[in-house]
Amino acid sequence: MTIESLIVWLIIGAIAGWLAGQIVRGGGLGLVGNIAVGIIGAVVGGWLLRQLGVAIGGGFIAAIINATIGAVILLVIIGLVRRT
């Protein structure tokens, strides 16, 4: 993995985590938390959409959409666990 691809992962993670925090109110976790949620959300979203047979496409915007879907799911699960 090159430094450029690592920076792209961090940028996508930050954007997706921030978007997910805006969608799921009270789900924002700060910059580092948003990056972590966005990167984990990219993995979750990629796996889930592949299982459902959904293909968003390729490119930077598709990666952000994919990661945001996964991050929203992850924040909802985190919110449910925090309540119990």
PDB file of N, CA and C in Angstrom:
ATOM      1  N   MET A   1       0.857  -1.168   0.000  1.00  0.00           N
ATOM      2  CA  MET A   1       0.000   0.000   0.000  1.00  0.00           C
ATOM      3  C   MET A   1       0.907   1.236   0.000  1.00  0.00           C
ATOM      4  N   THR A   2       0.638   2.111  -0.916  1.00  0.00           N
ATOM      5  CA  THR A   2       1.436   3.327  -1.015  1.00  0.00           C
ATOM      6  C   THR A   2       0.877   4.398  -0.093  1.00  0.00           C
ATOM      7  N   ILE A   3       1.645   5.420   0.130  1.00  0.00           N
ATOM      8  CA  ILE A   3       1.211   6.519   0.989  1.00  0.00           C
ATOM      9  C   ILE A   3       0.020   7.255   0.377  1.00  0.00           C
ATOM     10  N   GLU A   4      -0.017   7.301  -0.961  1.00  0.00           N
ATOM     11  CA  GLU A   4      -1.136   7.971  -1.627  1.00  0.00           C
ATOM     12  C   GLU A   4      -2.445   7.228  -1.397  1.00  0.00           C
ATOM     13  N   SER A   5      -2.411   5.897  -1.492  1.00  0.00           N
ATOM     14  CA  SER A   5      -3.638   5.129  -1.278  1.00  0.00           C
ATOM     15  C   SER A   5      -4.075   5.198   0.180  1.00  0.00           C
ATOM     16  N   LEU A   6      -3.117   5.273   1.096  1.00  0.00           N
ATOM     17  CA  LEU A   6      -3.456   5.425   2.507  1.00  0.00           C
ATOM     18  C   LEU A   6      -4.139   6.768   2.755  1.00  0.00           C
ATOM     19  N   ILE A   7      -3.640   7.806   2.121  1.00  0.00           N
ATOM     20  CA  ILE A   7      -4.248   9.134   2.266  1.00  0.00           C
ATOM     21  C   ILE A   7      -5.662   9.138   1.684  1.00  0.00           C
ATOM     22  N   VAL A   8      -5.852   8.471   0.544  1.00  0.00           N
ATOM     23  CA  VAL A   8      -7.189   8.390  -0.058  1.00  0.00           C
ATOM     24  C   VAL A   8      -8.139   7.652   0.869  1.00  0.00           C
ATOM     25  N   TRP A   9      -7.696   6.544   1.479  1.00  0.00           N
ATOM     26  CA  TRP A   9      -8.532   5.798   2.439  1.00  0.00           C
ATOM     27  C   TRP A   9      -8.924   6.694   3.607  1.00  0.00           C
ATOM     28  N   LEU A  10      -7.963   7.476   4.114  1.00  0.00           N
ATOM     29  CA  LEU A  10      -8.256   8.365   5.237  1.00  0.00           C
ATOM     30  C   LEU A  10      -9.245   9.455   4.851  1.00  0.00           C
ATOM     31  N   ILE A  11      -9.102   9.998   3.659  1.00  0.00           N
ATOM     32  CA  ILE A  11     -10.023  11.046   3.198  1.00  0.00           C
ATOM     33  C   ILE A  11     -11.426  10.473   3.007  1.00  0.00           C
ATOM     34  N   ILE A  12     -11.514   9.322   2.360  1.00  0.00           N
ATOM     35  CA  ILE A  12     -12.826   8.682   2.168  1.00  0.00           C
ATOM     36  C   ILE A  12     -13.440   8.340   3.516  1.00  0.00           C
ATOM     37  N   GLY A  13     -12.637   7.821   4.431  1.00  0.00           N
ATOM     38  CA  GLY A  13     -13.138   7.491   5.766  1.00  0.00           C
ATOM     39  C   GLY A  13     -13.644   8.705   6.511  1.00  0.00           C
ATOM     40  N   ALA A  14     -12.905   9.817   6.421  1.00  0.00           N
ATOM     41  CA  ALA A  14     -13.324  11.036   7.115  1.00  0.00           C
ATOM     42  C   ALA A  14     -14.621  11.580   6.540  1.00  0.00           C
ATOM     43  N   ILE A  15     -14.721  11.608   5.227  1.00  0.00           N
ATOM     44  CA  ILE A  15     -15.936  12.132   4.584  1.00  0.00           C
ATOM     45  C   ILE A  15     -17.127  11.231   4.888  1.00  0.00           C
ATOM     46  N   ALA A  16     -16.948   9.932   4.739  1.00  0.00           N
ATOM     47  CA  ALA A  16     -18.052   8.994   4.982  1.00  0.00           C
ATOM     48  C   ALA A  16     -18.461   9.000   6.447  1.00  0.00           C
ATOM     49  N   GLY A  17     -17.492   9.060   7.354  1.00  0.00           N
ATOM     50  CA  GLY A  17     -17.816   9.107   8.778  1.00  0.00           C
ATOM     51  C   GLY A  17     -18.563  10.377   9.152  1.00  0.00           C
ATOM     52  N   TRP A  18     -18.130  11.508   8.567  1.00  0.00           N
ATOM     53  CA  TRP A  18     -18.820  12.772   8.838  1.00  0.00           C
ATOM     54  C   TRP A  18     -20.242  12.737   8.291  1.00  0.00           C
ATOM     55  N   LEU A  19     -20.401  12.238   7.053  1.00  0.00           N
ATOM     56  CA  LEU A  19     -21.742  12.145   6.465  1.00  0.00           C
ATOM     57  C   LEU A  19     -22.637  11.235   7.291  1.00  0.00           C
ATOM     58  N   ALA A  20     -22.100  10.114   7.727  1.00  0.00           N
ATOM     59  CA  ALA A  20     -22.890   9.192   8.545  1.00  0.00           C
ATOM     60  C   ALA A  20     -23.271   9.837   9.870  1.00  0.00           C
ATOM     61  N   GLY A  21     -22.360  10.621  10.445  1.00  0.00           N
ATOM     62  CA  GLY A  21     -22.675  11.335  11.677  1.00  0.00           C
ATOM     63  C   GLY A  21     -23.770  12.362  11.481  1.00  0.00           C
ATOM     64  N   GLN A  22     -23.847  12.961  10.280  1.00  0.00           N
ATOM     65  CA  GLN A  22     -24.911  13.915   9.983  1.00  0.00           C
ATOM     66  C   GLN A  22     -26.243  13.201   9.766  1.00  0.00           C
ATOM     67  N   ILE A  23     -26.196  12.026   9.174  1.00  0.00           N
ATOM     68  CA  ILE A  23     -27.419  11.264   8.905  1.00  0.00           C
ATOM     69  C   ILE A  23     -27.975  10.681  10.197  1.00  0.00           C
ATOM     70  N   VAL A  24     -27.106  10.084  10.999  1.00  0.00           N
ATOM     71  CA  VAL A  24     -27.505   9.494  12.276  1.00  0.00           C
ATOM     72  C   VAL A  24     -27.198  10.535  13.348  1.00  0.00           C
ATOM     73  N   ARG A  25     -28.183  11.271  13.757  1.00  0.00           N
ATOM     74  CA  ARG A  25     -27.972  12.353  14.722  1.00  0.00           C
ATOM     75  C   ARG A  25     -27.378  11.804  16.011  1.00  0.00           C
ATOM     76  N   GLY A  26     -26.393  12.520  16.526  1.00  0.00           N
ATOM     77  CA  GLY A  26     -25.727  12.093  17.751  1.00  0.00           C
ATOM     78  C   GLY A  26     -24.689  11.026  17.498  1.00  0.00           C
ATOM     79  N   GLY A  27     -24.422  10.725  16.226  1.00  0.00           N
ATOM     80  CA  GLY A  27     -23.485   9.654  15.906  1.00  0.00           C
ATOM     81  C   GLY A  27     -22.086  10.125  15.604  1.00  0.00           C
ATOM     82  N   GLY A  28     -21.846  11.439  15.613  1.00  0.00           N
ATOM     83  CA  GLY A  28     -20.519  11.947  15.327  1.00  0.00           C
ATOM     84  C   GLY A  28     -19.542  11.575  16.440  1.00  0.00           C
ATOM     85  N   LEU A  29     -18.344  11.161  16.062  1.00  0.00           N
ATOM     86  CA  LEU A  29     -17.376  10.704  17.043  1.00  0.00           C
ATOM     87  C   LEU A  29     -16.074  11.487  16.989  1.00  0.00           C
ATOM     88  N   GLY A  30     -16.071  12.670  16.418  1.00  0.00           N
ATOM     89  CA  GLY A  30     -14.843  13.429  16.270  1.00  0.00           C
ATOM     90  C   GLY A  30     -14.092  12.999  15.015  1.00  0.00           C
ATOM     91  N   LEU A  31     -13.005  13.682  14.696  1.00  0.00           N
ATOM     92  CA  LEU A  31     -12.287  13.419  13.454  1.00  0.00           C
ATOM     93  C   LEU A  31     -11.744  11.997  13.389  1.00  0.00           C
ATOM     94  N   VAL A  32     -11.023  11.571  14.413  1.00  0.00           N
ATOM     95  CA  VAL A  32     -10.427  10.231  14.404  1.00  0.00           C
ATOM     96  C   VAL A  32     -11.515   9.166  14.426  1.00  0.00           C
ATOM     97  N   GLY A  33     -12.551   9.380  15.227  1.00  0.00           N
ATOM     98  CA  GLY A  33     -13.667   8.436  15.275  1.00  0.00           C
ATOM     99  C   GLY A  33     -14.401   8.357  13.960  1.00  0.00           C
ATOM    100  N   ASN A  34     -14.590   9.510  13.291  1.00  0.00           N
ATOM    101  CA  ASN A  34     -15.254   9.518  11.986  1.00  0.00           C
ATOM    102  C   ASN A  34     -14.430   8.773  10.951  1.00  0.00           C
ATOM    103  N   ILE A  35     -13.112   8.956  10.979  1.00  0.00           N
ATOM    104  CA  ILE A  35     -12.255   8.236  10.037  1.00  0.00           C
ATOM    105  C   ILE A  35     -12.357   6.740  10.280  1.00  0.00           C
ATOM    106  N   ALA A  36     -12.303   6.332  11.554  1.00  0.00           N
ATOM    107  CA  ALA A  36     -12.401   4.903  11.876  1.00  0.00           C
ATOM    108  C   ALA A  36     -13.751   4.335  11.458  1.00  0.00           C
ATOM    109  N   VAL A  37     -14.826   5.053  11.776  1.00  0.00           N
ATOM    110  CA  VAL A  37     -16.167   4.595  11.400  1.00  0.00           C
ATOM    111  C   VAL A  37     -16.300   4.544   9.882  1.00  0.00           C
ATOM    112  N   GLY A  38     -15.732   5.524   9.187  1.00  0.00           N
ATOM    113  CA  GLY A  38     -15.802   5.543   7.727  1.00  0.00           C
ATOM    114  C   GLY A  38     -15.051   4.391   7.094  1.00  0.00           C
ATOM    115  N   ILE A  39     -13.858   4.070   7.598  1.00  0.00           N
ATOM    116  CA  ILE A  39     -13.076   2.971   7.038  1.00  0.00           C
ATOM    117  C   ILE A  39     -13.741   1.629   7.346  1.00  0.00           C
ATOM    118  N   ILE A  40     -14.181   1.451   8.588  1.00  0.00           N
ATOM    119  CA  ILE A  40     -14.889   0.203   8.933  1.00  0.00           C
ATOM    120  C   ILE A  40     -16.205   0.135   8.161  1.00  0.00           C
ATOM    121  N   GLY A  41     -16.857   1.277   8.006  1.00  0.00           N
ATOM    122  CA  GLY A  41     -18.098   1.329   7.229  1.00  0.00           C
ATOM    123  C   GLY A  41     -17.884   0.972   5.775  1.00  0.00           C
ATOM    124  N   ALA A  42     -16.714   1.327   5.222  1.00  0.00           N
ATOM    125  CA  ALA A  42     -16.416   0.947   3.840  1.00  0.00           C
ATOM    126  C   ALA A  42     -16.338  -0.564   3.696  1.00  0.00           C
ATOM    127  N   VAL A  43     -15.753  -1.210   4.680  1.00  0.00           N
ATOM    128  CA  VAL A  43     -15.664  -2.672   4.649  1.00  0.00           C
ATOM    129  C   VAL A  43     -17.054  -3.285   4.803  1.00  0.00           C
ATOM    130  N   VAL A  44     -17.816  -2.782   5.779  1.00  0.00           N
ATOM    131  CA  VAL A  44     -19.171  -3.297   6.015  1.00  0.00           C
ATOM    132  C   VAL A  44     -20.060  -3.046   4.802  1.00  0.00           C
ATOM    133  N   GLY A  45     -20.023  -1.824   4.280  1.00  0.00           N
ATOM    134  CA  GLY A  45     -20.846  -1.484   3.123  1.00  0.00           C
ATOM    135  C   GLY A  45     -20.472  -2.278   1.892  1.00  0.00           C
ATOM    136  N   GLY A  46     -19.171  -2.448   1.665  1.00  0.00           N
ATOM    137  CA  GLY A  46     -18.724  -3.238   0.513  1.00  0.00           C
ATOM    138  C   GLY A  46     -19.196  -4.678   0.597  1.00  0.00           C
ATOM    139  N   TRP A  47     -19.079  -5.265   1.778  1.00  0.00           N
ATOM    140  CA  TRP A  47     -19.513  -6.650   1.952  1.00  0.00           C
ATOM    141  C   TRP A  47     -21.028  -6.765   1.805  1.00  0.00           C
ATOM    142  N   LEU A  48     -21.770  -5.876   2.463  1.00  0.00           N
ATOM    143  CA  LEU A  48     -23.225  -5.954   2.452  1.00  0.00           C
ATOM    144  C   LEU A  48     -23.794  -5.730   1.056  1.00  0.00           C
ATOM    145  N   LEU A  49     -23.306  -4.711   0.366  1.00  0.00           N
ATOM    146  CA  LEU A  49     -23.827  -4.440  -0.977  1.00  0.00           C
ATOM    147  C   LEU A  49     -23.488  -5.563  -1.944  1.00  0.00           C
ATOM    148  N   ARG A  50     -22.322  -6.160  -1.780  1.00  0.00           N
ATOM    149  CA  ARG A  50     -21.948  -7.296  -2.628  1.00  0.00           C
ATOM    150  C   ARG A  50     -22.870  -8.481  -2.365  1.00  0.00           C
ATOM    151  N   GLN A  51     -23.232  -8.710  -1.092  1.00  0.00           N
ATOM    152  CA  GLN A  51     -24.144  -9.804  -0.746  1.00  0.00           C
ATOM    153  C   GLN A  51     -25.544  -9.570  -1.309  1.00  0.00           C
ATOM    154  N   LEU A  52     -25.939  -8.308  -1.384  1.00  0.00           N
ATOM    155  CA  LEU A  52     -27.258  -7.969  -1.921  1.00  0.00           C
ATOM    156  C   LEU A  52     -27.271  -7.872  -3.440  1.00  0.00           C
ATOM    157  N   GLY A  53     -26.097  -7.937  -4.060  1.00  0.00           N
ATOM    158  CA  GLY A  53     -26.006  -7.848  -5.513  1.00  0.00           C
ATOM    159  C   GLY A  53     -26.119  -6.435  -6.038  1.00  0.00           C
ATOM    160  N   VAL A  54     -25.829  -5.457  -5.206  1.00  0.00           N
ATOM    161  CA  VAL A  54     -25.920  -4.054  -5.594  1.00  0.00           C
ATOM    162  C   VAL A  54     -24.535  -3.568  -6.000  1.00  0.00           C
ATOM    163  N   ALA A  55     -24.446  -2.948  -7.169  1.00  0.00           N
ATOM    164  CA  ALA A  55     -23.180  -2.388  -7.640  1.00  0.00           C
ATOM    165  C   ALA A  55     -23.355  -0.890  -7.847  1.00  0.00           C
ATOM    166  N   ILE A  56     -22.658  -0.104  -7.062  1.00  0.00           N
ATOM    167  CA  ILE A  56     -22.773   1.349  -7.164  1.00  0.00           C
ATOM    168  C   ILE A  56     -21.926   1.870  -8.307  1.00  0.00           C
ATOM    169  N   GLY A  57     -20.827   1.233  -8.570  1.00  0.00           N
ATOM    170  CA  GLY A  57     -19.919   1.678  -9.620  1.00  0.00           C
ATOM    171  C   GLY A  57     -18.522   1.819  -9.068  1.00  0.00           C
ATOM    172  N   GLY A  58     -17.694   2.541  -9.781  1.00  0.00           N
ATOM    173  CA  GLY A  58     -16.329   2.738  -9.341  1.00  0.00           C
ATOM    174  C   GLY A  58     -16.020   4.212  -9.184  1.00  0.00           C
ATOM    175  N   GLY A  59     -14.892   4.503  -8.629  1.00  0.00           N
ATOM    176  CA  GLY A  59     -14.467   5.877  -8.478  1.00  0.00           C
ATOM    177  C   GLY A  59     -14.591   6.385  -7.062  1.00  0.00           C
ATOM    178  N   PHE A  60     -14.169   7.620  -6.896  1.00  0.00           N
ATOM    179  CA  PHE A  60     -14.108   8.255  -5.584  1.00  0.00           C
ATOM    180  C   PHE A  60     -15.490   8.458  -4.976  1.00  0.00           C
ATOM    181  N   ILE A  61     -16.429   8.960  -5.758  1.00  0.00           N
ATOM    182  CA  ILE A  61     -17.793   9.223  -5.256  1.00  0.00           C
ATOM    183  C   ILE A  61     -18.485   7.924  -4.870  1.00  0.00           C
ATOM    184  N   ALA A  62     -18.326   6.893  -5.689  1.00  0.00           N
ATOM    185  CA  ALA A  62     -18.925   5.594  -5.369  1.00  0.00           C
ATOM    186  C   ALA A  62     -18.335   5.027  -4.088  1.00  0.00           C
ATOM    187  N   ALA A  63     -17.041   5.223  -3.876  1.00  0.00           N
ATOM    188  CA  ALA A  63     -16.404   4.746  -2.649  1.00  0.00           C
ATOM    189  C   ALA A  63     -16.957   5.482  -1.436  1.00  0.00           C
ATOM    190  N   ILE A  64     -17.205   6.775  -1.574  1.00  0.00           N
ATOM    191  CA  ILE A  64     -17.769   7.548  -0.463  1.00  0.00           C
ATOM    192  C   ILE A  64     -19.197   7.093  -0.173  1.00  0.00           C
ATOM    193  N   ILE A  65     -19.987   6.871  -1.203  1.00  0.00           N
ATOM    194  CA  ILE A  65     -21.370   6.406  -1.012  1.00  0.00           C
ATOM    195  C   ILE A  65     -21.377   5.043  -0.342  1.00  0.00           C
ATOM    196  N   ASN A  66     -20.539   4.148  -0.828  1.00  0.00           N
ATOM    197  CA  ASN A  66     -20.421   2.805  -0.274  1.00  0.00           C
ATOM    198  C   ASN A  66     -20.015   2.869   1.201  1.00  0.00           C
ATOM    199  N   ALA A  67     -18.995   3.655   1.502  1.00  0.00           N
ATOM    200  CA  ALA A  67     -18.514   3.772   2.878  1.00  0.00           C
ATOM    201  C   ALA A  67     -19.550   4.439   3.771  1.00  0.00           C
ATOM    202  N   THR A  68     -20.287   5.406   3.244  1.00  0.00           N
ATOM    203  CA  THR A  68     -21.306   6.089   4.038  1.00  0.00           C
ATOM    204  C   THR A  68     -22.445   5.147   4.404  1.00  0.00           C
ATOM    205  N   ILE A  69     -22.853   4.308   3.465  1.00  0.00           N
ATOM    206  CA  ILE A  69     -23.910   3.328   3.758  1.00  0.00           C
ATOM    207  C   ILE A  69     -23.460   2.404   4.886  1.00  0.00           C
ATOM    208  N   GLY A  70     -22.251   1.899   4.780  1.00  0.00           N
ATOM    209  CA  GLY A  70     -21.729   1.027   5.832  1.00  0.00           C
ATOM    210  C   GLY A  70     -21.547   1.755   7.151  1.00  0.00           C
ATOM    211  N   ALA A  71     -21.104   3.014   7.109  1.00  0.00           N
ATOM    212  CA  ALA A  71     -20.894   3.782   8.337  1.00  0.00           C
ATOM    213  C   ALA A  71     -22.212   4.089   9.030  1.00  0.00           C
ATOM    214  N   VAL A  72     -23.257   4.371   8.258  1.00  0.00           N
ATOM    215  CA  VAL A  72     -24.580   4.602   8.859  1.00  0.00           C
ATOM    216  C   VAL A  72     -25.050   3.338   9.569  1.00  0.00           C
ATOM    217  N   ILE A  73     -24.900   2.202   8.922  1.00  0.00           N
ATOM    218  CA  ILE A  73     -25.279   0.932   9.549  1.00  0.00           C
ATOM    219  C   ILE A  73     -24.484   0.716  10.830  1.00  0.00           C
ATOM    220  N   LEU A  74     -23.185   0.990  10.764  1.00  0.00           N
ATOM    221  CA  LEU A  74     -22.324   0.824  11.933  1.00  0.00           C
ATOM    222  C   LEU A  74     -22.733   1.765  13.063  1.00  0.00           C
ATOM    223  N   LEU A  75     -23.038   3.026  12.763  1.00  0.00           N
ATOM    224  CA  LEU A  75     -23.455   3.965  13.812  1.00  0.00           C
ATOM    225  C   LEU A  75     -24.794   3.594  14.425  1.00  0.00           C
ATOM    226  N   VAL A  76     -25.706   3.054  13.622  1.00  0.00           N
ATOM    227  CA  VAL A  76     -26.997   2.600  14.175  1.00  0.00           C
ATOM    228  C   VAL A  76     -26.759   1.449  15.138  1.00  0.00           C
ATOM    229  N   ILE A  77     -25.885   0.512  14.762  1.00  0.00           N
ATOM    230  CA  ILE A  77     -25.583  -0.615  15.652  1.00  0.00           C
ATOM    231  C   ILE A  77     -24.910  -0.122  16.929  1.00  0.00           C
ATOM    232  N   ILE A  78     -23.953   0.811  16.794  1.00  0.00           N
ATOM    233  CA  ILE A  78     -23.290   1.372  17.981  1.00  0.00           C
ATOM    234  C   ILE A  78     -24.306   2.066  18.881  1.00  0.00           C
ATOM    235  N   GLY A  79     -25.239   2.807  18.286  1.00  0.00           N
ATOM    236  CA  GLY A  79     -26.289   3.474  19.068  1.00  0.00           C
ATOM    237  C   GLY A  79     -27.176   2.505  19.802  1.00  0.00           C
ATOM    238  N   LEU A  80     -27.496   1.383  19.175  1.00  0.00           N
ATOM    239  CA  LEU A  80     -28.312   0.372  19.836  1.00  0.00           C
ATOM    240  C   LEU A  80     -27.567  -0.285  20.987  1.00  0.00           C
ATOM    241  N   VAL A  81     -26.277  -0.521  20.800  1.00  0.00           N
ATOM    242  CA  VAL A  81     -25.488  -1.153  21.870  1.00  0.00           C
ATOM    243  C   VAL A  81     -25.305  -0.183  23.041  1.00  0.00           C
ATOM    244  N   ARG A  82     -25.117   1.092  22.762  1.00  0.00           N
ATOM    245  CA  ARG A  82     -24.930   2.078  23.840  1.00  0.00           C
ATOM    246  C   ARG A  82     -26.182   2.218  24.702  1.00  0.00           C
ATOM    247  N   ARG A  83     -27.345   2.044  24.125  1.00  0.00           N
ATOM    248  CA  ARG A  83     -28.594   2.217  24.869  1.00  0.00           C
ATOM    249  C   ARG A  83     -28.829   1.075  25.849  1.00  0.00           C
ATOM    250  N   THR A  84     -28.290  -0.067  25.555  1.00  0.00           N
ATOM    251  CA  THR A  84     -28.557  -1.226  26.438  1.00  0.00           C
ATOM    252  C   THR A  84     -27.584  -1.311  27.569  1.00  0.00           C
TER     253      THR A  84
END
